[in-house]
Amino acid sequence: MFIHSDDGHHFLGYRKSSFGKVQMVYDFEGMHRKVYDLETQDVPVALLNSAIKKAIQSRHILPTLLSTLSAQNISLIETA
């Protein structure tokens, strides 16, 4: 799943890497990209979708995403 902010400046989504890891991807205006590997195994898709929707609607998208996932005991490691 992926989503753009209403103003079109922010992109947030998740994907599977070539190594089979789930990754969260955040991009601001195509210039500032952050990629995080989910270290927690078997995270329900519904939980990821909910976190993305909550974050993209907030003023501080990336901190909201990280805190929402952290509150669910989901660990992330920045890769890029």
C-alpha atoms as a PDB file:
ATOM      1  CA  MET A   1       0.000   0.000   0.000  1.00  0.00           C
ATOM      2  CA  PHE A   2       1.120   3.544  -0.604  1.00  0.00           C
ATOM      3  CA  ILE A   3      -0.442   6.962  -0.308  1.00  0.00           C
ATOM      4  CA  HIS A   4       0.370  10.574  -1.144  1.00  0.00           C
ATOM      5  CA  SER A   5      -0.469  13.515   1.078  1.00  0.00           C
ATOM      6  CA  ASP A   6      -3.274  15.823  -0.019  1.00  0.00           C
ATOM      7  CA  ASP A   7      -0.770  18.455  -1.125  1.00  0.00           C
ATOM      8  CA  GLY A   8       1.205  15.854  -3.112  1.00  0.00           C
ATOM      9  CA  HIS A   9       4.511  16.610  -1.401  1.00  0.00           C
ATOM     10  CA  HIS A  10       4.753  13.458   0.720  1.00  0.00           C
ATOM     11  CA  PHE A  11       4.738   9.772  -0.221  1.00  0.00           C
ATOM     12  CA  LEU A  12       4.425   6.980   2.313  1.00  0.00           C
ATOM     13  CA  GLY A  13       4.147   3.262   1.697  1.00  0.00           C
ATOM     14  CA  TYR A  14       5.554  -0.182   2.236  1.00  0.00           C
ATOM     15  CA  ARG A  15       7.051  -2.815  -0.025  1.00  0.00           C
ATOM     16  CA  LYS A  16       8.938  -6.115   0.048  1.00  0.00           C
ATOM     17  CA  SER A  17      12.652  -5.886  -0.648  1.00  0.00           C
ATOM     18  CA  SER A  18      14.470  -8.273  -2.959  1.00  0.00           C
ATOM     19  CA  PHE A  19      15.528 -10.103   0.224  1.00  0.00           C
ATOM     20  CA  GLY A  20      11.916 -10.573   1.336  1.00  0.00           C
ATOM     21  CA  LYS A  21      11.941  -7.943   4.101  1.00  0.00           C
ATOM     22  CA  VAL A  22       9.050  -5.545   4.498  1.00  0.00           C
ATOM     23  CA  GLN A  23      10.214  -1.956   4.120  1.00  0.00           C
ATOM     24  CA  MET A  24       8.527   1.337   4.944  1.00  0.00           C
ATOM     25  CA  VAL A  25       9.318   4.108   2.445  1.00  0.00           C
ATOM     26  CA  TYR A  26       8.892   7.831   3.050  1.00  0.00           C
ATOM     27  CA  ASP A  27       9.668  10.449   0.423  1.00  0.00           C
ATOM     28  CA  PHE A  28       9.352  14.237   0.487  1.00  0.00           C
ATOM     29  CA  GLU A  29       9.011  15.888  -2.925  1.00  0.00           C
ATOM     30  CA  GLY A  30      11.064  13.165  -4.605  1.00  0.00           C
ATOM     31  CA  MET A  31      14.206  14.543  -3.003  1.00  0.00           C
ATOM     32  CA  HIS A  32      14.374  13.247   0.561  1.00  0.00           C
ATOM     33  CA  ARG A  33      13.806   9.493   0.808  1.00  0.00           C
ATOM     34  CA  LYS A  34      14.032   7.346   3.911  1.00  0.00           C
ATOM     35  CA  VAL A  35      13.707   3.561   3.841  1.00  0.00           C
ATOM     36  CA  TYR A  36      13.252   1.447   6.959  1.00  0.00           C
ATOM     37  CA  ASP A  37      13.338  -2.344   7.319  1.00  0.00           C
ATOM     38  CA  LEU A  38      10.713  -3.788   9.633  1.00  0.00           C
ATOM     39  CA  GLU A  39      12.624  -5.921  12.101  1.00  0.00           C
ATOM     40  CA  THR A  40       9.449  -7.243  13.685  1.00  0.00           C
ATOM     41  CA  GLN A  41       8.219 -10.342  11.858  1.00  0.00           C
ATOM     42  CA  ASP A  42       4.653 -11.032  10.679  1.00  0.00           C
ATOM     43  CA  VAL A  43       3.210  -7.557  11.165  1.00  0.00           C
ATOM     44  CA  PRO A  44      -0.441  -7.567  10.054  1.00  0.00           C
ATOM     45  CA  VAL A  45      -1.050  -5.614   6.856  1.00  0.00           C
ATOM     46  CA  ALA A  46      -4.040  -3.897   8.460  1.00  0.00           C
ATOM     47  CA  LEU A  47      -1.764  -2.459  11.148  1.00  0.00           C
ATOM     48  CA  LEU A  48       0.669  -1.080   8.547  1.00  0.00           C
ATOM     49  CA  ASN A  49      -2.194   0.413   6.535  1.00  0.00           C
ATOM     50  CA  SER A  50      -3.614   2.054   9.640  1.00  0.00           C
ATOM     51  CA  ALA A  51      -0.245   3.520  10.629  1.00  0.00           C
ATOM     52  CA  ILE A  52       0.300   4.914   7.119  1.00  0.00           C
ATOM     53  CA  LYS A  53      -3.148   6.521   6.992  1.00  0.00           C
ATOM     54  CA  LYS A  54      -2.695   8.081  10.430  1.00  0.00           C
ATOM     55  CA  ALA A  55       0.771   9.406   9.574  1.00  0.00           C
ATOM     56  CA  ILE A  56      -0.070  10.871   6.160  1.00  0.00           C
ATOM     57  CA  GLN A  57      -2.878  12.917   7.721  1.00  0.00           C
ATOM     58  CA  SER A  58      -0.667  14.381  10.435  1.00  0.00           C
ATOM     59  CA  ARG A  59       1.467  17.490  10.294  1.00  0.00           C
ATOM     60  CA  HIS A  60       4.679  15.583  11.116  1.00  0.00           C
ATOM     61  CA  ILE A  61       4.366  12.510   8.933  1.00  0.00           C
ATOM     62  CA  LEU A  62       7.572  10.596   9.605  1.00  0.00           C
ATOM     63  CA  PRO A  63       7.641  11.100  13.408  1.00  0.00           C
ATOM     64  CA  THR A  64       3.969  10.091  13.560  1.00  0.00           C
ATOM     65  CA  LEU A  65       4.639   6.928  11.564  1.00  0.00           C
ATOM     66  CA  LEU A  66       7.609   5.966  13.718  1.00  0.00           C
ATOM     67  CA  SER A  67       5.796   6.615  17.008  1.00  0.00           C
ATOM     68  CA  THR A  68       2.656   4.780  15.850  1.00  0.00           C
ATOM     69  CA  LEU A  69       4.637   1.682  14.909  1.00  0.00           C
ATOM     70  CA  SER A  70       6.762   1.901  18.037  1.00  0.00           C
ATOM     71  CA  ALA A  71       3.619   2.008  20.176  1.00  0.00           C
ATOM     72  CA  GLN A  72       2.684  -1.343  18.621  1.00  0.00           C
ATOM     73  CA  ASN A  73       6.140  -2.761  19.459  1.00  0.00           C
ATOM     74  CA  ILE A  74       7.199  -2.777  15.815  1.00  0.00           C
ATOM     75  CA  SER A  75      10.924  -2.205  15.353  1.00  0.00           C
ATOM     76  CA  LEU A  76      12.363  -0.359  12.372  1.00  0.00           C
ATOM     77  CA  ILE A  77      15.930   0.117  11.185  1.00  0.00           C
ATOM     78  CA  GLU A  78      16.807   2.844   8.680  1.00  0.00           C
ATOM     79  CA  THR A  79      18.476   1.407   5.566  1.00  0.00           C
ATOM     80  CA  ALA A  80      18.892   4.373   3.250  1.00  0.00           C
END
